[in-house]
Amino acid sequence: MSTSPSHADQAEAAVEIAHGGDVAEIQGRSPWQLVLGRLRRDLVTMVALVASIVIILLAAAAPVLKAAGVLDLDNHDELVQGIGSMPTGSMGGMSGEHLLGVQPGTGRDLLALILSGMTTSLIVAVSATAVAIVLGTIMGLVAGFAGGWLDWLISRVIDLVLSFPQTLMLLSLQTVLVTFIASMVGMADTASTPKILFMISVLGFFGWPYFARIIRGQVMSLREREFVEAARSLGARPWRLYVHELLPHLWAPILVYTTMILPQNIAQEAALGFLGVGVPPPTISLGTLLNDSIQYALPDPAYFLFPGLAVFLMVLAFNLLGDGIRDALDPKADRQ
């Protein structure tokens, strides 16, 4: 990215000189200032950024609000027409105390369920994204910088992992890996923690190859640059070259890929819960809410609509944010 003054700034200074005015001081801008300036001019990206921050804050605050008694997740049989039946009142039991209505059969507040589900979904998605980013960065750095047989070996591993269908592997490996993880953490395989760790591990494992390819290509273009050759000539070890010379130049693709893979993992977690292989009760996730709401889609559409809308808004906000950050980091992108 160029840090030279813009043509508009140069023209303004030339006009002042032509009119006998003082010469305006032209100051360059850093790459971060250029990126932030593009982001501030992009209304859609700023709205997506605010929405993403609100979603993260709500998901982070949900456990605290639940512990403080603000979020009521208790059953309320008086709000439904008997055990397992529909909520009393119109629109799924909406009222001043229950803004989105209540859950059929239990009478639990639907807003509290959605906020708790957002927490679980984001924990899985963010953790899986972190696993993919760390693995992809390490493997891409090593493959792109080392070259030779090590590059060939890592590239073949990437091809092998990409050849497996992710959803099919999640379904087929579930029983074996969940039991193994449960034995490792000393918990029953029916508990929520082993299933959450399983989804994080598998989503992260199948997410890193795409990113490793991106990092590998970036590193291959950087390893012949002058600053890398200078560090080599001074006797810098590979670890220092990776961390201090190459990694600072890779923050742009890391940031862009993070904002793009995160909504995919949110949707993947919701899809698994919808298929009935997500986080087991009593832990709540958006996917399990959608799975439970299918049988009430016609008699109580609000119970099906609001969890689905929550997933849609989360994925949309992070996708728009990722697109905006990608465009802001690319000065050649069409921003009209």
C-alpha atoms as a PDB file:
ATOM      1  CA  MET A   1       0.000   0.000   0.000  1.00  0.00           C
ATOM      2  CA  SER A   2       1.268   3.415  -0.922  1.00  0.00           C
ATOM      3  CA  THR A   3       1.722   5.989   1.781  1.00  0.00           C
ATOM      4  CA  SER A   4       2.264   8.897  -0.648  1.00  0.00           C
ATOM      5  CA  PRO A   5      -0.144  11.847  -0.592  1.00  0.00           C
ATOM      6  CA  SER A   6      -3.241  11.591  -2.751  1.00  0.00           C
ATOM      7  CA  HIS A   7      -3.677  13.489  -6.001  1.00  0.00           C
ATOM      8  CA  ALA A   8      -6.380  15.593  -4.355  1.00  0.00           C
ATOM      9  CA  ASP A   9      -3.962  16.734  -1.623  1.00  0.00           C
ATOM     10  CA  GLN A  10      -1.304  17.608  -4.205  1.00  0.00           C
ATOM     11  CA  ALA A  11      -3.795  19.544  -6.316  1.00  0.00           C
ATOM     12  CA  GLU A  12      -5.008  21.484  -3.268  1.00  0.00           C
ATOM     13  CA  ALA A  13      -1.437  22.466  -2.387  1.00  0.00           C
ATOM     14  CA  ALA A  14      -0.768  23.520  -5.982  1.00  0.00           C
ATOM     15  CA  VAL A  15      -3.866  25.736  -5.963  1.00  0.00           C
ATOM     16  CA  GLU A  16      -2.706  27.440  -2.751  1.00  0.00           C
ATOM     17  CA  ILE A  17       0.705  28.117  -4.277  1.00  0.00           C
ATOM     18  CA  ALA A  18      -0.863  29.500  -7.438  1.00  0.00           C
ATOM     19  CA  HIS A  19      -2.936  31.937  -5.387  1.00  0.00           C
ATOM     20  CA  GLY A  20       0.025  33.089  -3.313  1.00  0.00           C
ATOM     21  CA  GLY A  21      -1.047  31.181  -0.206  1.00  0.00           C
ATOM     22  CA  ASP A  22       1.122  29.285   2.230  1.00  0.00           C
ATOM     23  CA  VAL A  23       2.261  25.889   1.175  1.00  0.00           C
ATOM     24  CA  ALA A  24       0.157  23.285   2.996  1.00  0.00           C
ATOM     25  CA  GLU A  25       2.100  20.553   4.648  1.00  0.00           C
ATOM     26  CA  ILE A  26       1.416  17.248   2.955  1.00  0.00           C
ATOM     27  CA  GLN A  27       1.653  14.307   5.310  1.00  0.00           C
ATOM     28  CA  GLY A  28       1.671  10.695   4.268  1.00  0.00           C
ATOM     29  CA  ARG A  29      -0.685   8.155   5.780  1.00  0.00           C
ATOM     30  CA  SER A  30       0.207   4.724   7.101  1.00  0.00           C
ATOM     31  CA  PRO A  31      -1.391   1.585   5.627  1.00  0.00           C
ATOM     32  CA  TRP A  32      -3.605   1.262   8.710  1.00  0.00           C
ATOM     33  CA  GLN A  33      -4.838   4.828   8.250  1.00  0.00           C
ATOM     34  CA  LEU A  34      -5.644   4.119   4.621  1.00  0.00           C
ATOM     35  CA  VAL A  35      -7.569   0.964   5.551  1.00  0.00           C
ATOM     36  CA  LEU A  36      -9.506   2.681   8.338  1.00  0.00           C
ATOM     37  CA  GLY A  37     -10.336   5.552   6.010  1.00  0.00           C
ATOM     38  CA  ARG A  38     -11.816   3.163   3.443  1.00  0.00           C
ATOM     39  CA  LEU A  39     -13.782   1.364   6.136  1.00  0.00           C
ATOM     40  CA  ARG A  40     -15.260   4.602   7.487  1.00  0.00           C
ATOM     41  CA  ARG A  41     -16.458   5.515   4.002  1.00  0.00           C
ATOM     42  CA  ASP A  42     -18.186   2.140   3.558  1.00  0.00           C
ATOM     43  CA  LEU A  43     -21.599   2.428   5.219  1.00  0.00           C
ATOM     44  CA  VAL A  44     -22.521  -1.241   4.776  1.00  0.00           C
ATOM     45  CA  THR A  45     -19.284  -2.402   6.384  1.00  0.00           C
ATOM     46  CA  MET A  46     -19.704  -0.021   9.325  1.00  0.00           C
ATOM     47  CA  VAL A  47     -23.247  -1.276   9.922  1.00  0.00           C
ATOM     48  CA  ALA A  48     -21.971  -4.861   9.729  1.00  0.00           C
ATOM     49  CA  LEU A  49     -19.168  -3.990  12.164  1.00  0.00           C
ATOM     50  CA  VAL A  50     -21.606  -2.534  14.693  1.00  0.00           C
ATOM     51  CA  ALA A  51     -23.932  -5.521  14.283  1.00  0.00           C
ATOM     52  CA  SER A  52     -21.040  -7.958  14.753  1.00  0.00           C
ATOM     53  CA  ILE A  53     -19.908  -6.173  17.916  1.00  0.00           C
ATOM     54  CA  VAL A  54     -23.456  -6.232  19.302  1.00  0.00           C
ATOM     55  CA  ILE A  55     -23.771  -9.955  18.541  1.00  0.00           C
ATOM     56  CA  ILE A  56     -20.476 -10.737  20.270  1.00  0.00           C
ATOM     57  CA  LEU A  57     -21.376  -8.622  23.309  1.00  0.00           C
ATOM     58  CA  LEU A  58     -24.806 -10.262  23.629  1.00  0.00           C
ATOM     59  CA  ALA A  59     -23.303 -13.736  23.351  1.00  0.00           C
ATOM     60  CA  ALA A  60     -20.591 -12.889  25.905  1.00  0.00           C
ATOM     61  CA  ALA A  61     -23.099 -11.331  28.320  1.00  0.00           C
ATOM     62  CA  ALA A  62     -25.624 -14.176  28.152  1.00  0.00           C
ATOM     63  CA  PRO A  63     -23.892 -16.427  30.751  1.00  0.00           C
ATOM     64  CA  VAL A  64     -23.474 -13.454  33.094  1.00  0.00           C
ATOM     65  CA  LEU A  65     -27.103 -12.425  32.677  1.00  0.00           C
ATOM     66  CA  LYS A  66     -28.184 -16.013  33.247  1.00  0.00           C
ATOM     67  CA  ALA A  67     -26.155 -16.262  36.465  1.00  0.00           C
ATOM     68  CA  ALA A  68     -27.618 -12.944  37.635  1.00  0.00           C
ATOM     69  CA  GLY A  69     -31.156 -14.168  37.033  1.00  0.00           C
ATOM     70  CA  VAL A  70     -31.880 -11.667  34.247  1.00  0.00           C
ATOM     71  CA  LEU A  71     -32.233 -14.425  31.651  1.00  0.00           C
ATOM     72  CA  ASP A  72     -34.936 -16.806  32.809  1.00  0.00           C
ATOM     73  CA  LEU A  73     -34.455 -20.300  31.365  1.00  0.00           C
ATOM     74  CA  ASP A  74     -36.791 -22.046  33.807  1.00  0.00           C
ATOM     75  CA  ASN A  75     -39.858 -23.972  32.692  1.00  0.00           C
ATOM     76  CA  HIS A  76     -43.178 -22.158  33.087  1.00  0.00           C
ATOM     77  CA  ASP A  77     -45.999 -24.636  32.736  1.00  0.00           C
ATOM     78  CA  GLU A  78     -48.551 -21.889  33.326  1.00  0.00           C
ATOM     79  CA  LEU A  79     -47.541 -20.254  30.024  1.00  0.00           C
ATOM     80  CA  VAL A  80     -48.424 -23.296  27.933  1.00  0.00           C
ATOM     81  CA  GLN A  81     -51.624 -25.257  27.579  1.00  0.00           C
ATOM     82  CA  GLY A  82     -50.430 -28.284  29.467  1.00  0.00           C
ATOM     83  CA  ILE A  83     -47.244 -30.300  29.139  1.00  0.00           C
ATOM     84  CA  GLY A  84     -45.979 -30.443  25.562  1.00  0.00           C
ATOM     85  CA  SER A  85     -48.642 -28.111  24.188  1.00  0.00           C
ATOM     86  CA  MET A  86     -48.737 -24.684  22.567  1.00  0.00           C
ATOM     87  CA  PRO A  87     -48.144 -21.389  24.390  1.00  0.00           C
ATOM     88  CA  THR A  88     -51.134 -19.495  25.682  1.00  0.00           C
ATOM     89  CA  GLY A  89     -51.989 -16.238  23.966  1.00  0.00           C
ATOM     90  CA  SER A  90     -51.290 -15.096  20.408  1.00  0.00           C
ATOM     91  CA  MET A  91     -47.980 -15.043  18.464  1.00  0.00           C
ATOM     92  CA  GLY A  92     -46.370 -17.802  20.470  1.00  0.00           C
ATOM     93  CA  GLY A  93     -47.039 -16.199  23.848  1.00  0.00           C
ATOM     94  CA  MET A  94     -45.495 -12.787  23.122  1.00  0.00           C
ATOM     95  CA  SER A  95     -45.950 -10.281  25.930  1.00  0.00           C
ATOM     96  CA  GLY A  96     -44.145  -7.507  27.747  1.00  0.00           C
ATOM     97  CA  GLU A  97     -42.248 -10.081  29.812  1.00  0.00           C
ATOM     98  CA  HIS A  98     -41.584 -12.409  26.871  1.00  0.00           C
ATOM     99  CA  LEU A  99     -40.824 -10.219  23.858  1.00  0.00           C
ATOM    100  CA  LEU A 100     -40.318 -13.099  21.417  1.00  0.00           C
ATOM    101  CA  GLY A 101     -42.757 -15.497  23.053  1.00  0.00           C
ATOM    102  CA  VAL A 102     -42.069 -18.752  24.835  1.00  0.00           C
ATOM    103  CA  GLN A 103     -40.993 -22.236  23.868  1.00  0.00           C
ATOM    104  CA  PRO A 104     -43.850 -24.672  23.214  1.00  0.00           C
ATOM    105  CA  GLY A 105     -44.124 -27.415  25.779  1.00  0.00           C
ATOM    106  CA  THR A 106     -41.871 -25.797  28.396  1.00  0.00           C
ATOM    107  CA  GLY A 107     -42.823 -22.125  28.537  1.00  0.00           C
ATOM    108  CA  ARG A 108     -39.173 -21.025  28.579  1.00  0.00           C
ATOM    109  CA  ASP A 109     -38.480 -17.508  27.333  1.00  0.00           C
ATOM    110  CA  LEU A 110     -37.512 -17.651  23.654  1.00  0.00           C
ATOM    111  CA  LEU A 111     -35.265 -14.571  23.779  1.00  0.00           C
ATOM    112  CA  ALA A 112     -33.258 -16.111  26.622  1.00  0.00           C
ATOM    113  CA  LEU A 113     -32.962 -19.356  24.659  1.00  0.00           C
ATOM    114  CA  ILE A 114     -31.728 -17.528  21.552  1.00  0.00           C
ATOM    115  CA  LEU A 115     -29.118 -15.545  23.485  1.00  0.00           C
ATOM    116  CA  SER A 116     -27.872 -18.721  25.174  1.00  0.00           C
ATOM    117  CA  GLY A 117     -27.797 -20.459  21.799  1.00  0.00           C
ATOM    118  CA  MET A 118     -25.765 -17.604  20.314  1.00  0.00           C
ATOM    119  CA  THR A 119     -23.179 -18.107  23.055  1.00  0.00           C
ATOM    120  CA  THR A 120     -22.753 -21.793  22.253  1.00  0.00           C
ATOM    121  CA  SER A 121     -22.685 -21.208  18.495  1.00  0.00           C
ATOM    122  CA  LEU A 122     -20.053 -18.474  18.764  1.00  0.00           C
ATOM    123  CA  ILE A 123     -17.889 -20.536  21.137  1.00  0.00           C
ATOM    124  CA  VAL A 124     -17.815 -23.373  18.613  1.00  0.00           C
ATOM    125  CA  ALA A 125     -17.351 -21.089  15.585  1.00  0.00           C
ATOM    126  CA  VAL A 126     -14.669 -18.830  17.085  1.00  0.00           C
ATOM    127  CA  SER A 127     -12.698 -21.752  18.540  1.00  0.00           C
ATOM    128  CA  ALA A 128     -12.838 -23.719  15.289  1.00  0.00           C
ATOM    129  CA  THR A 129     -11.754 -20.611  13.366  1.00  0.00           C
ATOM    130  CA  ALA A 130      -8.816 -20.119  15.740  1.00  0.00           C
ATOM    131  CA  VAL A 131      -7.729 -23.740  15.236  1.00  0.00           C
ATOM    132  CA  ALA A 132      -7.922 -23.357  11.453  1.00  0.00           C
ATOM    133  CA  ILE A 133      -6.019 -20.051  11.475  1.00  0.00           C
ATOM    134  CA  VAL A 134      -3.202 -21.350  13.703  1.00  0.00           C
ATOM    135  CA  LEU A 135      -2.763 -24.609  11.783  1.00  0.00           C
ATOM    136  CA  GLY A 136      -3.075 -22.909   8.409  1.00  0.00           C
ATOM    137  CA  THR A 137      -0.580 -20.190   9.294  1.00  0.00           C
ATOM    138  CA  ILE A 138       2.028 -22.633  10.603  1.00  0.00           C
ATOM    139  CA  MET A 139       1.712 -25.072   7.712  1.00  0.00           C
ATOM    140  CA  GLY A 140       1.586 -22.313   5.103  1.00  0.00           C
ATOM    141  CA  LEU A 141       4.649 -20.572   6.555  1.00  0.00           C
ATOM    142  CA  VAL A 142       6.695 -23.756   6.652  1.00  0.00           C
ATOM    143  CA  ALA A 143       5.621 -24.933   3.197  1.00  0.00           C
ATOM    144  CA  GLY A 144       6.115 -21.582   1.503  1.00  0.00           C
ATOM    145  CA  PHE A 145       9.470 -20.760   3.081  1.00  0.00           C
ATOM    146  CA  ALA A 146      11.146 -24.168   3.252  1.00  0.00           C
ATOM    147  CA  GLY A 147      10.183 -25.358  -0.225  1.00  0.00           C
ATOM    148  CA  GLY A 148      11.591 -28.621  -1.566  1.00  0.00           C
ATOM    149  CA  TRP A 149      10.366 -31.940  -0.241  1.00  0.00           C
ATOM    150  CA  LEU A 150       8.755 -30.348   2.831  1.00  0.00           C
ATOM    151  CA  ASP A 151       6.624 -28.117   0.629  1.00  0.00           C
ATOM    152  CA  TRP A 152       5.673 -31.137  -1.481  1.00  0.00           C
ATOM    153  CA  LEU A 153       4.722 -33.175   1.600  1.00  0.00           C
ATOM    154  CA  ILE A 154       2.577 -30.432   3.149  1.00  0.00           C
ATOM    155  CA  SER A 155       0.879 -29.769  -0.197  1.00  0.00           C
ATOM    156  CA  ARG A 156      -0.042 -33.442  -0.507  1.00  0.00           C
ATOM    157  CA  VAL A 157      -1.439 -33.425   3.044  1.00  0.00           C
ATOM    158  CA  ILE A 158      -3.542 -30.393   2.092  1.00  0.00           C
ATOM    159  CA  ASP A 159      -4.846 -32.216  -0.982  1.00  0.00           C
ATOM    160  CA  LEU A 160      -5.650 -35.279   1.128  1.00  0.00           C
ATOM    161  CA  VAL A 161      -7.603 -33.316   3.739  1.00  0.00           C
ATOM    162  CA  LEU A 162      -9.507 -31.378   1.066  1.00  0.00           C
ATOM    163  CA  SER A 163     -10.566 -34.637  -0.580  1.00  0.00           C
ATOM    164  CA  PHE A 164     -12.724 -35.600   2.420  1.00  0.00           C
ATOM    165  CA  PRO A 165     -16.276 -34.191   2.567  1.00  0.00           C
ATOM    166  CA  GLN A 166     -16.463 -32.194   5.789  1.00  0.00           C
ATOM    167  CA  THR A 167     -20.116 -32.787   6.706  1.00  0.00           C
ATOM    168  CA  LEU A 168     -19.889 -36.510   5.988  1.00  0.00           C
ATOM    169  CA  MET A 169     -16.798 -36.802   8.170  1.00  0.00           C
ATOM    170  CA  LEU A 170     -18.543 -34.922  10.977  1.00  0.00           C
ATOM    171  CA  LEU A 171     -21.402 -37.400  10.872  1.00  0.00           C
ATOM    172  CA  SER A 172     -19.322 -40.554  10.452  1.00  0.00           C
ATOM    173  CA  LEU A 173     -16.615 -39.775  13.030  1.00  0.00           C
ATOM    174  CA  GLN A 174     -18.962 -38.459  15.672  1.00  0.00           C
ATOM    175  CA  THR A 175     -19.432 -41.578  17.788  1.00  0.00           C
ATOM    176  CA  VAL A 176     -15.786 -42.637  17.795  1.00  0.00           C
ATOM    177  CA  LEU A 177     -14.228 -39.237  18.397  1.00  0.00           C
ATOM    178  CA  VAL A 178     -16.779 -38.080  20.961  1.00  0.00           C
ATOM    179  CA  THR A 179     -16.178 -41.249  22.986  1.00  0.00           C
ATOM    180  CA  PHE A 180     -12.399 -40.743  22.707  1.00  0.00           C
ATOM    181  CA  ILE A 181     -12.600 -37.079  23.754  1.00  0.00           C
ATOM    182  CA  ALA A 182     -14.930 -37.949  26.642  1.00  0.00           C
ATOM    183  CA  SER A 183     -12.421 -40.503  27.938  1.00  0.00           C
ATOM    184  CA  MET A 184      -9.620 -37.944  27.628  1.00  0.00           C
ATOM    185  CA  VAL A 185     -11.456 -35.274  29.642  1.00  0.00           C
ATOM    186  CA  GLY A 186     -12.966 -37.759  32.090  1.00  0.00           C
ATOM    187  CA  MET A 187     -16.614 -37.082  31.219  1.00  0.00           C
ATOM    188  CA  ALA A 188     -19.527 -39.124  29.927  1.00  0.00           C
ATOM    189  CA  ASP A 189     -19.870 -39.206  26.141  1.00  0.00           C
ATOM    190  CA  THR A 190     -23.430 -37.904  26.517  1.00  0.00           C
ATOM    191  CA  ALA A 191     -22.196 -34.635  28.062  1.00  0.00           C
ATOM    192  CA  SER A 192     -22.060 -31.392  26.104  1.00  0.00           C
ATOM    193  CA  THR A 193     -18.350 -30.659  26.514  1.00  0.00           C
ATOM    194  CA  PRO A 194     -17.033 -33.661  24.502  1.00  0.00           C
ATOM    195  CA  LYS A 195     -19.460 -32.870  21.663  1.00  0.00           C
ATOM    196  CA  ILE A 196     -18.421 -29.207  21.642  1.00  0.00           C
ATOM    197  CA  LEU A 197     -14.723 -30.182  21.588  1.00  0.00           C
ATOM    198  CA  PHE A 198     -15.445 -32.652  18.795  1.00  0.00           C
ATOM    199  CA  MET A 199     -17.112 -30.020  16.601  1.00  0.00           C
ATOM    200  CA  ILE A 200     -14.323 -27.526  17.275  1.00  0.00           C
ATOM    201  CA  SER A 201     -11.648 -30.080  16.398  1.00  0.00           C
ATOM    202  CA  VAL A 202     -13.266 -31.326  13.195  1.00  0.00           C
ATOM    203  CA  LEU A 203     -14.356 -27.911  11.909  1.00  0.00           C
ATOM    204  CA  GLY A 204     -10.900 -26.509  12.641  1.00  0.00           C
ATOM    205  CA  PHE A 205      -9.115 -29.489  11.089  1.00  0.00           C
ATOM    206  CA  PHE A 206     -11.044 -29.295   7.829  1.00  0.00           C
ATOM    207  CA  GLY A 207     -10.781 -25.494   7.714  1.00  0.00           C
ATOM    208  CA  TRP A 208      -7.001 -25.025   7.798  1.00  0.00           C
ATOM    209  CA  PRO A 209      -6.019 -26.350   4.309  1.00  0.00           C
ATOM    210  CA  TYR A 210      -7.717 -23.489   2.444  1.00  0.00           C
ATOM    211  CA  PHE A 211      -5.926 -20.933   4.563  1.00  0.00           C
ATOM    212  CA  ALA A 212      -2.603 -22.781   4.353  1.00  0.00           C
ATOM    213  CA  ARG A 213      -2.693 -22.455   0.578  1.00  0.00           C
ATOM    214  CA  ILE A 214      -3.256 -18.701   0.836  1.00  0.00           C
ATOM    215  CA  ILE A 215      -0.389 -18.252   3.311  1.00  0.00           C
ATOM    216  CA  ARG A 216       1.899 -20.485   1.268  1.00  0.00           C
ATOM    217  CA  GLY A 217       1.404 -18.324  -1.814  1.00  0.00           C
ATOM    218  CA  GLN A 218       2.018 -15.121   0.153  1.00  0.00           C
ATOM    219  CA  VAL A 219       5.183 -16.501   1.767  1.00  0.00           C
ATOM    220  CA  MET A 220       6.575 -17.689  -1.569  1.00  0.00           C
ATOM    221  CA  SER A 221       6.319 -14.120  -2.858  1.00  0.00           C
ATOM    222  CA  LEU A 222       7.898 -12.685   0.310  1.00  0.00           C
ATOM    223  CA  ARG A 223      10.809 -15.062   0.874  1.00  0.00           C
ATOM    224  CA  GLU A 224      12.904 -13.527  -1.903  1.00  0.00           C
ATOM    225  CA  ARG A 225      12.370  -9.944  -0.737  1.00  0.00           C
ATOM    226  CA  GLU A 226      15.308  -7.822   0.379  1.00  0.00           C
ATOM    227  CA  PHE A 227      14.409  -7.687   4.073  1.00  0.00           C
ATOM    228  CA  VAL A 228      14.286 -11.497   4.250  1.00  0.00           C
ATOM    229  CA  GLU A 229      17.622 -11.826   2.453  1.00  0.00           C
ATOM    230  CA  ALA A 230      19.115  -9.237   4.805  1.00  0.00           C
ATOM    231  CA  ALA A 231      17.933 -11.156   7.860  1.00  0.00           C
ATOM    232  CA  ARG A 232      19.322 -14.370   6.404  1.00  0.00           C
ATOM    233  CA  SER A 233      22.701 -12.758   5.758  1.00  0.00           C
ATOM    234  CA  LEU A 234      22.819 -11.648   9.389  1.00  0.00           C
ATOM    235  CA  GLY A 235      22.363 -15.237  10.522  1.00  0.00           C
ATOM    236  CA  ALA A 236      18.701 -15.122  11.552  1.00  0.00           C
ATOM    237  CA  ARG A 237      17.292 -18.528  12.418  1.00  0.00           C
ATOM    238  CA  PRO A 238      14.145 -19.884  10.717  1.00  0.00           C
ATOM    239  CA  TRP A 239      12.005 -19.165  13.782  1.00  0.00           C
ATOM    240  CA  ARG A 240      13.000 -15.505  13.733  1.00  0.00           C
ATOM    241  CA  LEU A 241      12.379 -15.314  10.000  1.00  0.00           C
ATOM    242  CA  TYR A 242       8.892 -16.790  10.458  1.00  0.00           C
ATOM    243  CA  VAL A 243       7.840 -14.675  13.438  1.00  0.00           C
ATOM    244  CA  HIS A 244       9.645 -11.365  12.977  1.00  0.00           C
ATOM    245  CA  GLU A 245      10.102 -11.067   9.215  1.00  0.00           C
ATOM    246  CA  LEU A 246       7.258 -12.912   7.479  1.00  0.00           C
ATOM    247  CA  LEU A 247       4.348 -13.011   9.941  1.00  0.00           C
ATOM    248  CA  PRO A 248       3.955  -9.197  10.267  1.00  0.00           C
ATOM    249  CA  HIS A 249       3.357  -9.060   6.497  1.00  0.00           C
ATOM    250  CA  LEU A 250       0.594 -11.676   6.643  1.00  0.00           C
ATOM    251  CA  TRP A 251      -1.874  -9.873   8.910  1.00  0.00           C
ATOM    252  CA  ALA A 252      -4.050  -8.807   5.957  1.00  0.00           C
ATOM    253  CA  PRO A 253      -4.914 -12.304   4.630  1.00  0.00           C
ATOM    254  CA  ILE A 254      -5.203 -13.614   8.201  1.00  0.00           C
ATOM    255  CA  LEU A 255      -7.733 -10.920   9.089  1.00  0.00           C
ATOM    256  CA  VAL A 256      -9.723 -11.339   5.881  1.00  0.00           C
ATOM    257  CA  TYR A 257      -9.844 -15.135   6.082  1.00  0.00           C
ATOM    258  CA  THR A 258     -10.880 -15.002   9.750  1.00  0.00           C
ATOM    259  CA  THR A 259     -13.906 -12.834   8.996  1.00  0.00           C
ATOM    260  CA  MET A 260     -14.839 -15.083   6.077  1.00  0.00           C
ATOM    261  CA  ILE A 261     -14.493 -18.505   7.726  1.00  0.00           C
ATOM    262  CA  LEU A 262     -16.213 -17.481  10.971  1.00  0.00           C
ATOM    263  CA  PRO A 263     -19.728 -17.188   9.443  1.00  0.00           C
ATOM    264  CA  GLN A 264     -19.186 -20.502   7.662  1.00  0.00           C
ATOM    265  CA  ASN A 265     -18.509 -22.190  10.991  1.00  0.00           C
ATOM    266  CA  ILE A 266     -21.578 -20.524  12.537  1.00  0.00           C
ATOM    267  CA  ALA A 267     -23.731 -21.891   9.719  1.00  0.00           C
ATOM    268  CA  GLN A 268     -22.046 -25.298   9.962  1.00  0.00           C
ATOM    269  CA  GLU A 269     -22.736 -25.556  13.698  1.00  0.00           C
ATOM    270  CA  ALA A 270     -26.368 -24.576  13.138  1.00  0.00           C
ATOM    271  CA  ALA A 271     -26.673 -27.139  10.336  1.00  0.00           C
ATOM    272  CA  LEU A 272     -25.309 -29.906  12.555  1.00  0.00           C
ATOM    273  CA  GLY A 273     -27.737 -28.998  15.322  1.00  0.00           C
ATOM    274  CA  PHE A 274     -30.567 -28.901  12.796  1.00  0.00           C
ATOM    275  CA  LEU A 275     -29.625 -32.415  11.661  1.00  0.00           C
ATOM    276  CA  GLY A 276     -29.825 -33.590  15.273  1.00  0.00           C
ATOM    277  CA  VAL A 277     -26.107 -34.249  15.759  1.00  0.00           C
ATOM    278  CA  GLY A 278     -25.179 -30.967  17.407  1.00  0.00           C
ATOM    279  CA  VAL A 279     -24.735 -30.099  21.066  1.00  0.00           C
ATOM    280  CA  PRO A 280     -26.959 -32.323  23.237  1.00  0.00           C
ATOM    281  CA  PRO A 281     -29.336 -30.982  25.903  1.00  0.00           C
ATOM    282  CA  PRO A 282     -29.338 -29.313  28.340  1.00  0.00           C
ATOM    283  CA  THR A 283     -26.841 -27.080  26.478  1.00  0.00           C
ATOM    284  CA  ILE A 284     -28.671 -24.772  24.092  1.00  0.00           C
ATOM    285  CA  SER A 285     -27.528 -23.885  20.577  1.00  0.00           C
ATOM    286  CA  LEU A 286     -29.253 -22.213  17.669  1.00  0.00           C
ATOM    287  CA  GLY A 287     -29.076 -25.413  15.662  1.00  0.00           C
ATOM    288  CA  THR A 288     -30.852 -27.474  18.318  1.00  0.00           C
ATOM    289  CA  LEU A 289     -33.522 -24.769  18.633  1.00  0.00           C
ATOM    290  CA  LEU A 290     -34.132 -24.965  14.895  1.00  0.00           C
ATOM    291  CA  ASN A 291     -34.290 -28.754  15.059  1.00  0.00           C
ATOM    292  CA  ASP A 292     -36.848 -28.607  17.871  1.00  0.00           C
ATOM    293  CA  SER A 293     -38.928 -25.907  16.192  1.00  0.00           C
ATOM    294  CA  ILE A 294     -39.584 -27.871  12.989  1.00  0.00           C
ATOM    295  CA  GLN A 295     -42.553 -29.695  14.484  1.00  0.00           C
ATOM    296  CA  TYR A 296     -44.064 -26.357  15.522  1.00  0.00           C
ATOM    297  CA  ALA A 297     -43.415 -24.519  12.240  1.00  0.00           C
ATOM    298  CA  LEU A 298     -47.130 -24.303  11.313  1.00  0.00           C
ATOM    299  CA  PRO A 299     -48.901 -23.937  14.677  1.00  0.00           C
ATOM    300  CA  ASP A 300     -46.222 -21.631  16.164  1.00  0.00           C
ATOM    301  CA  PRO A 301     -44.207 -19.982  13.339  1.00  0.00           C
ATOM    302  CA  ALA A 302     -42.565 -17.515  15.764  1.00  0.00           C
ATOM    303  CA  TYR A 303     -40.658 -20.365  17.437  1.00  0.00           C
ATOM    304  CA  PHE A 304     -39.231 -21.384  14.053  1.00  0.00           C
ATOM    305  CA  LEU A 305     -38.751 -17.849  12.699  1.00  0.00           C
ATOM    306  CA  PHE A 306     -36.745 -16.145  15.438  1.00  0.00           C
ATOM    307  CA  PRO A 307     -33.928 -18.746  15.875  1.00  0.00           C
ATOM    308  CA  GLY A 308     -33.600 -18.947  12.089  1.00  0.00           C
ATOM    309  CA  LEU A 309     -33.508 -15.162  11.883  1.00  0.00           C
ATOM    310  CA  ALA A 310     -30.778 -15.075  14.540  1.00  0.00           C
ATOM    311  CA  VAL A 311     -28.601 -17.473  12.503  1.00  0.00           C
ATOM    312  CA  PHE A 312     -29.286 -15.475   9.335  1.00  0.00           C
ATOM    313  CA  LEU A 313     -28.339 -12.140  10.927  1.00  0.00           C
ATOM    314  CA  MET A 314     -25.162 -13.533  12.496  1.00  0.00           C
ATOM    315  CA  VAL A 315     -23.935 -15.058   9.240  1.00  0.00           C
ATOM    316  CA  LEU A 316     -24.928 -11.979   7.222  1.00  0.00           C
ATOM    317  CA  ALA A 317     -23.205  -9.523   9.583  1.00  0.00           C
ATOM    318  CA  PHE A 318     -19.898 -11.402   9.629  1.00  0.00           C
ATOM    319  CA  ASN A 319     -20.014 -12.027   5.865  1.00  0.00           C
ATOM    320  CA  LEU A 320     -20.575  -8.352   5.083  1.00  0.00           C
ATOM    321  CA  LEU A 321     -17.823  -7.418   7.531  1.00  0.00           C
ATOM    322  CA  GLY A 322     -15.429  -9.831   5.839  1.00  0.00           C
ATOM    323  CA  ASP A 323     -16.277  -8.479   2.389  1.00  0.00           C
ATOM    324  CA  GLY A 324     -15.762  -4.899   3.568  1.00  0.00           C
ATOM    325  CA  ILE A 325     -12.411  -5.655   5.193  1.00  0.00           C
ATOM    326  CA  ARG A 326     -11.258  -7.490   2.075  1.00  0.00           C
ATOM    327  CA  ASP A 327     -12.136  -4.486  -0.100  1.00  0.00           C
ATOM    328  CA  ALA A 328     -10.525  -2.054   2.335  1.00  0.00           C
ATOM    329  CA  LEU A 329      -7.274  -3.992   2.228  1.00  0.00           C
ATOM    330  CA  ASP A 330      -7.295  -4.024  -1.571  1.00  0.00           C
ATOM    331  CA  PRO A 331      -6.902  -0.467  -2.931  1.00  0.00           C
ATOM    332  CA  LYS A 332      -7.542  -1.758  -6.468  1.00  0.00           C
ATOM    333  CA  ALA A 333     -10.973  -3.145  -5.582  1.00  0.00           C
ATOM    334  CA  ASP A 334     -14.004  -1.489  -7.145  1.00  0.00           C
ATOM    335  CA  ARG A 335     -15.594   0.452  -4.295  1.00  0.00           C
ATOM    336  CA  GLN A 336     -18.345   2.193  -6.209  1.00  0.00           C
END
